[in-house]
């Protein structure tokens, strides 16, 4: 086993693409593509890539595109909840939005103060189980599977207050928060002109929140090239540093 194999292998899964990245290794990266768009269609590609001993290891960090994750912000519980109660509240909120389909999802719960809602992230349980089994079959024993938003949020300032725009090819997440507490979540498909539509999107979502008027806006773009949005009415906005040359799933793996 080579020296660098102790480093975590970074894997990103996005519609039509699987990216593998090991910044300190050789080879450093690989991208495989398919015309299919579902999460399940990526598993044969990942299986093919991991058949190469160059990518073997014990640790893997997997990032899932927002396309494959459903986020929810529950109503404020008003009191501290046990973990089982938190999960039940998140599951109930997902069912309210997505119906019986949500019963087959694997859910991660992110706790917040009782006066704020809980944040939930859900993925298809069958897909997650197959992904777990595939990685175990290739010798990975220490595996973390995370939604892109939970990984990308680490780039935000600690005292974040305002709107966070998380854009990737074909999808945009909009998160509103104050002092580390999320107060609003939204997401929608986007096209190449997404940056020009930001002012209208933020204004629409802001109408249903208690966030302060014209708060700061942080734009985080991954895999969509250079970004220079103009956001009228928001004096404080910033594009978070990103590699404008990285595209698609490889940009997600490098976050």
Protein backbone atom coordinates (compact mmCIF):
# COMPACT_ATOMS: atom_id res chain seq x y z
CA UNK A 1 0.00 0.00 0.00
CA UNK A 2 1.44 3.37 -1.00
CA UNK A 3 2.19 6.15 1.45
CA UNK A 4 -0.64 8.43 0.34
CA UNK A 5 -3.35 5.78 0.60
CA UNK A 6 -3.88 6.77 4.27
CA UNK A 7 -5.38 10.06 3.06
CA UNK A 8 -9.16 10.05 2.61
CA UNK A 9 -10.31 9.46 -0.93
CA UNK A 10 -12.71 12.24 -1.88
CA UNK A 11 -15.65 11.11 -3.99
CA UNK A 12 -18.31 13.40 -5.42
CA UNK A 13 -21.54 12.20 -7.00
CA UNK A 14 -23.50 14.59 -9.22
CA UNK A 15 -26.01 14.00 -12.02
CA UNK A 16 -24.14 12.21 -14.79
CA UNK A 17 -20.72 12.31 -13.10
CA UNK A 18 -18.53 10.58 -10.57
CA UNK A 19 -15.34 12.35 -9.49
CA UNK A 20 -12.48 10.89 -7.46
CA UNK A 21 -9.88 13.15 -5.91
CA UNK A 22 -6.80 12.50 -3.81
CA UNK A 23 -4.92 15.82 -3.73
CA UNK A 24 -1.67 14.34 -2.41
CA UNK A 25 -1.69 11.18 -4.51
CA UNK A 26 -0.96 9.90 -7.98
CA UNK A 27 -3.20 9.83 -9.90
CA UNK A 28 -4.70 12.95 -8.39
CA UNK A 29 -8.16 12.81 -9.95
CA UNK A 30 -10.50 10.94 -12.24
CA UNK A 31 -13.95 11.74 -13.62
CA UNK A 32 -16.36 9.25 -15.14
CA UNK A 33 -19.53 10.29 -16.95
CA UNK A 34 -22.84 8.82 -18.05
CA UNK A 35 -25.88 10.12 -19.90
CA UNK A 36 -28.07 8.94 -17.03
CA UNK A 37 -29.00 11.47 -14.36
CA UNK A 38 -30.12 9.39 -11.39
CA UNK A 39 -28.03 8.70 -8.31
CA UNK A 40 -28.33 4.93 -8.81
CA UNK A 41 -26.85 5.18 -12.32
CA UNK A 42 -23.58 6.42 -10.80
CA UNK A 43 -22.91 3.29 -8.78
CA UNK A 44 -21.63 1.17 -11.73
CA UNK A 45 -19.26 4.02 -12.66
CA UNK A 46 -17.94 4.25 -9.12
CA UNK A 47 -17.55 0.47 -8.99
CA UNK A 48 -15.53 0.60 -12.23
CA UNK A 49 -13.29 3.39 -10.94
CA UNK A 50 -12.57 1.69 -7.62
CA UNK A 51 -11.56 -1.53 -9.37
CA UNK A 52 -8.28 0.29 -10.08
CA UNK A 53 -5.86 -0.38 -7.16
CA UNK A 54 -4.59 3.20 -7.49
CA UNK A 55 -7.73 4.34 -5.66
CA UNK A 56 -7.69 1.79 -2.86
CA UNK A 57 -7.67 2.92 0.77
CA UNK A 58 -9.52 2.67 4.07
CA UNK A 59 -11.08 6.13 4.30
CA UNK A 60 -13.52 7.78 1.93
CA UNK A 61 -15.32 11.14 2.12
CA UNK A 62 -18.34 11.16 -0.19
CA UNK A 63 -20.10 14.40 -1.16
CA UNK A 64 -23.60 14.19 -2.62
CA UNK A 65 -24.86 16.85 -5.02
CA UNK A 66 -27.86 18.88 -3.92
CA UNK A 67 -29.76 17.16 -6.76
CA UNK A 68 -29.78 13.96 -4.68
CA UNK A 69 -30.62 15.52 -1.29
CA UNK A 70 -33.84 16.97 0.06
CA UNK A 71 -33.50 19.55 2.81
CA UNK A 72 -36.15 20.61 5.28
CA UNK A 73 -36.43 23.14 8.10
CA UNK A 74 -38.98 22.03 10.68
CA UNK A 75 -41.22 24.29 12.77
CA UNK A 76 -39.48 25.36 16.00
CA UNK A 77 -40.07 22.66 18.63
CA UNK A 78 -39.99 25.26 21.42
CA UNK A 79 -38.14 22.91 23.77
CA UNK A 80 -35.11 20.64 23.77
CA UNK A 81 -35.81 17.27 22.16
CA UNK A 82 -34.23 13.86 22.48
CA UNK A 83 -32.51 12.60 19.34
CA UNK A 84 -35.37 10.22 18.55
CA UNK A 85 -37.85 13.10 18.90
CA UNK A 86 -35.74 15.29 16.61
CA UNK A 87 -35.69 12.57 13.97
CA UNK A 88 -39.44 12.08 14.27
CA UNK A 89 -40.05 15.82 13.77
CA UNK A 90 -37.81 15.94 10.70
CA UNK A 91 -39.46 12.84 9.23
CA UNK A 92 -42.89 14.35 9.79
CA UNK A 93 -41.88 17.59 8.05
CA UNK A 94 -40.50 15.66 5.09
CA UNK A 95 -43.73 13.68 4.79
CA UNK A 96 -45.76 16.90 4.88
CA UNK A 97 -43.82 18.15 1.85
CA UNK A 98 -43.04 15.02 -0.15
CA UNK A 99 -45.72 12.56 0.94
CA UNK A 100 -45.24 8.82 1.31
CA UNK A 101 -42.08 8.93 -0.81
CA UNK A 102 -40.23 10.32 2.21
CA UNK A 103 -40.77 7.06 4.12
CA UNK A 104 -37.99 5.43 2.07
CA UNK A 105 -35.35 8.08 2.76
CA UNK A 106 -32.31 8.03 5.05
CA UNK A 107 -32.30 11.18 7.17
CA UNK A 108 -29.57 13.20 8.83
CA UNK A 109 -30.65 15.67 11.52
CA UNK A 110 -28.82 18.90 12.36
CA UNK A 111 -29.81 20.25 15.77
CA UNK A 112 -30.52 23.91 16.40
CA UNK A 113 -31.70 25.90 19.45
CA UNK A 114 -35.33 25.11 20.48
CA UNK A 115 -36.58 28.47 19.19
CA UNK A 116 -35.38 27.52 15.70
CA UNK A 117 -36.42 24.61 13.56
CA UNK A 118 -34.36 21.50 13.02
CA UNK A 119 -32.53 21.06 9.72
CA UNK A 120 -32.94 17.72 7.98
CA UNK A 121 -31.17 16.27 4.95
CA UNK A 122 -32.60 13.17 3.30
CA UNK A 123 -31.40 10.79 0.59
CA UNK A 124 -32.91 7.66 -0.89
CA UNK A 125 -32.22 4.86 1.60
CA UNK A 126 -31.80 2.15 -1.05
CA UNK A 127 -29.18 4.21 -2.86
CA UNK A 128 -27.35 4.97 0.39
CA UNK A 129 -27.29 1.29 1.34
CA UNK A 130 -25.93 0.27 -2.06
CA UNK A 131 -23.28 2.98 -1.82
CA UNK A 132 -22.25 1.78 1.65
CA UNK A 133 -22.00 -1.81 0.39
CA UNK A 134 -20.00 -0.83 -2.70
CA UNK A 135 -17.42 1.08 -0.68
CA UNK A 136 -17.13 -1.74 1.86
CA UNK A 137 -16.61 -4.23 -0.95
CA UNK A 138 -13.65 -2.16 -2.17
CA UNK A 139 -12.05 -2.15 1.28
CA UNK A 140 -13.18 1.19 2.67
CA UNK A 141 -13.88 0.91 6.38
CA UNK A 142 -14.05 4.57 7.45
CA UNK A 143 -16.69 6.23 5.27
CA UNK A 144 -18.45 9.59 5.62
CA UNK A 145 -21.35 10.39 3.27
CA UNK A 146 -22.39 14.04 3.45
CA UNK A 147 -24.70 16.41 1.56
CA UNK A 148 -22.82 19.10 -0.34
CA UNK A 149 -24.38 21.83 1.79
CA UNK A 150 -22.99 20.42 5.05
CA UNK A 151 -19.47 20.35 3.56
CA UNK A 152 -19.62 23.69 1.75
CA UNK A 153 -20.98 25.52 4.82
CA UNK A 154 -17.55 25.22 6.43
CA UNK A 155 -16.37 28.01 4.13
CA UNK A 156 -18.81 30.51 5.63
CA UNK A 157 -17.68 33.00 8.28
CA UNK A 158 -18.35 31.86 11.84
CA UNK A 159 -20.61 34.84 12.58
CA UNK A 160 -22.57 34.48 9.37
CA UNK A 161 -25.67 36.67 9.16
CA UNK A 162 -27.68 36.86 5.97
CA UNK A 163 -28.16 34.75 2.84
CA UNK A 164 -25.96 31.96 1.58
CA UNK A 165 -26.29 31.04 -2.09
CA UNK A 166 -24.90 27.59 -2.94
CA UNK A 167 -24.84 27.06 -6.69
CA UNK A 168 -23.74 24.02 -8.67
CA UNK A 169 -24.55 22.96 -12.24
CA UNK A 170 -28.32 22.79 -12.53
CA UNK A 171 -29.24 23.54 -8.91
CA UNK A 172 -29.19 26.40 -6.41
CA UNK A 173 -29.71 26.24 -2.66
CA UNK A 174 -30.61 29.39 -0.75
CA UNK A 175 -30.09 29.40 3.02
CA UNK A 176 -30.90 32.26 5.36
CA UNK A 177 -29.43 32.41 8.84
CA UNK A 178 -28.20 34.47 11.76
CA UNK A 179 -25.33 33.69 14.13
CA UNK A 180 -25.10 30.05 13.16
CA UNK A 181 -28.86 29.38 13.23
CA UNK A 182 -30.66 28.60 9.97
CA UNK A 183 -34.02 30.32 9.60
CA UNK A 184 -34.92 29.69 5.96
CA UNK A 185 -34.12 27.05 3.32
CA UNK A 186 -35.05 26.94 -0.34
CA UNK A 187 -33.81 25.24 -3.47
CA UNK A 188 -34.60 25.19 -7.17
CA UNK A 189 -33.27 24.14 -10.58
CA UNK A 190 -31.24 26.78 -12.41
CA UNK A 191 -29.90 27.48 -15.86
CA UNK A 192 -26.81 29.33 -17.06
CA UNK A 193 -28.35 32.72 -16.20
CA UNK A 194 -28.88 31.91 -12.52
CA UNK A 195 -26.67 34.75 -11.24
CA UNK A 196 -28.80 37.38 -12.98
CA UNK A 197 -31.91 35.96 -11.30
CA UNK A 198 -30.47 36.14 -7.77
CA UNK A 199 -31.95 39.54 -6.79
CA UNK A 200 -35.48 38.40 -7.65
CA UNK A 201 -35.01 35.03 -5.93
CA UNK A 202 -33.65 36.55 -2.73
CA UNK A 203 -36.38 39.20 -2.65
CA UNK A 204 -39.08 36.55 -3.05
CA UNK A 205 -37.71 34.32 -0.29
CA UNK A 206 -36.98 37.26 2.01
CA UNK A 207 -40.66 38.18 1.97
CA UNK A 208 -41.43 35.10 4.07
CA UNK A 209 -38.60 35.37 6.61
CA UNK A 210 -37.72 37.37 9.70
CA UNK A 211 -34.20 38.11 8.48
CA UNK A 212 -33.14 41.77 8.66
CA UNK A 213 -33.72 43.93 5.61
CA UNK A 214 -31.00 43.74 2.95
CA UNK A 215 -28.71 41.41 4.92
CA UNK A 216 -25.33 40.27 3.65
CA UNK A 217 -25.22 37.78 0.78
CA UNK A 218 -22.51 35.18 0.32
CA UNK A 219 -22.34 33.41 -3.03
CA UNK A 220 -20.61 30.05 -3.26
CA UNK A 221 -20.41 28.64 -6.78
CA UNK A 222 -19.02 25.18 -7.47
CA UNK A 223 -18.34 23.82 -10.93
CA UNK A 224 -20.09 26.61 -12.82
CA UNK A 225 -17.11 28.78 -13.77
CA UNK A 226 -16.35 32.37 -12.79
CA UNK A 227 -19.15 34.26 -11.03
CA UNK A 228 -19.68 38.02 -10.77
CA UNK A 229 -23.25 38.58 -9.60
CA UNK A 230 -24.76 41.99 -9.01
CA UNK A 231 -27.23 42.10 -6.12
CA UNK A 232 -28.95 45.53 -5.90
CA UNK A 233 -30.11 46.55 -2.46
CA UNK A 234 -27.49 44.42 -0.72
CA UNK A 235 -24.44 46.53 0.03
CA UNK A 236 -22.60 43.66 1.68
CA UNK A 237 -22.20 40.67 -0.58
CA UNK A 238 -19.26 38.54 -1.48
CA UNK A 239 -18.34 35.64 -3.73
CA UNK A 240 -16.57 33.00 -1.67
CA UNK A 241 -13.22 31.87 -3.12
CA UNK A 242 -13.56 29.03 -5.59
CA UNK A 243 -11.67 27.35 -8.40
CA UNK A 244 -13.34 28.75 -11.52
CA UNK A 245 -11.54 26.18 -13.68
CA UNK A 246 -12.99 23.14 -11.90
CA UNK A 247 -16.19 21.83 -13.43
CA UNK A 248 -19.01 19.56 -12.37
CA UNK A 249 -18.47 16.80 -9.83
CA UNK A 250 -14.74 17.45 -9.60
CA UNK A 251 -15.45 20.89 -8.12
CA UNK A 252 -17.68 19.23 -5.51
CA UNK A 253 -14.93 16.75 -4.62
CA UNK A 254 -12.47 19.59 -4.07
CA UNK A 255 -14.63 21.60 -1.69
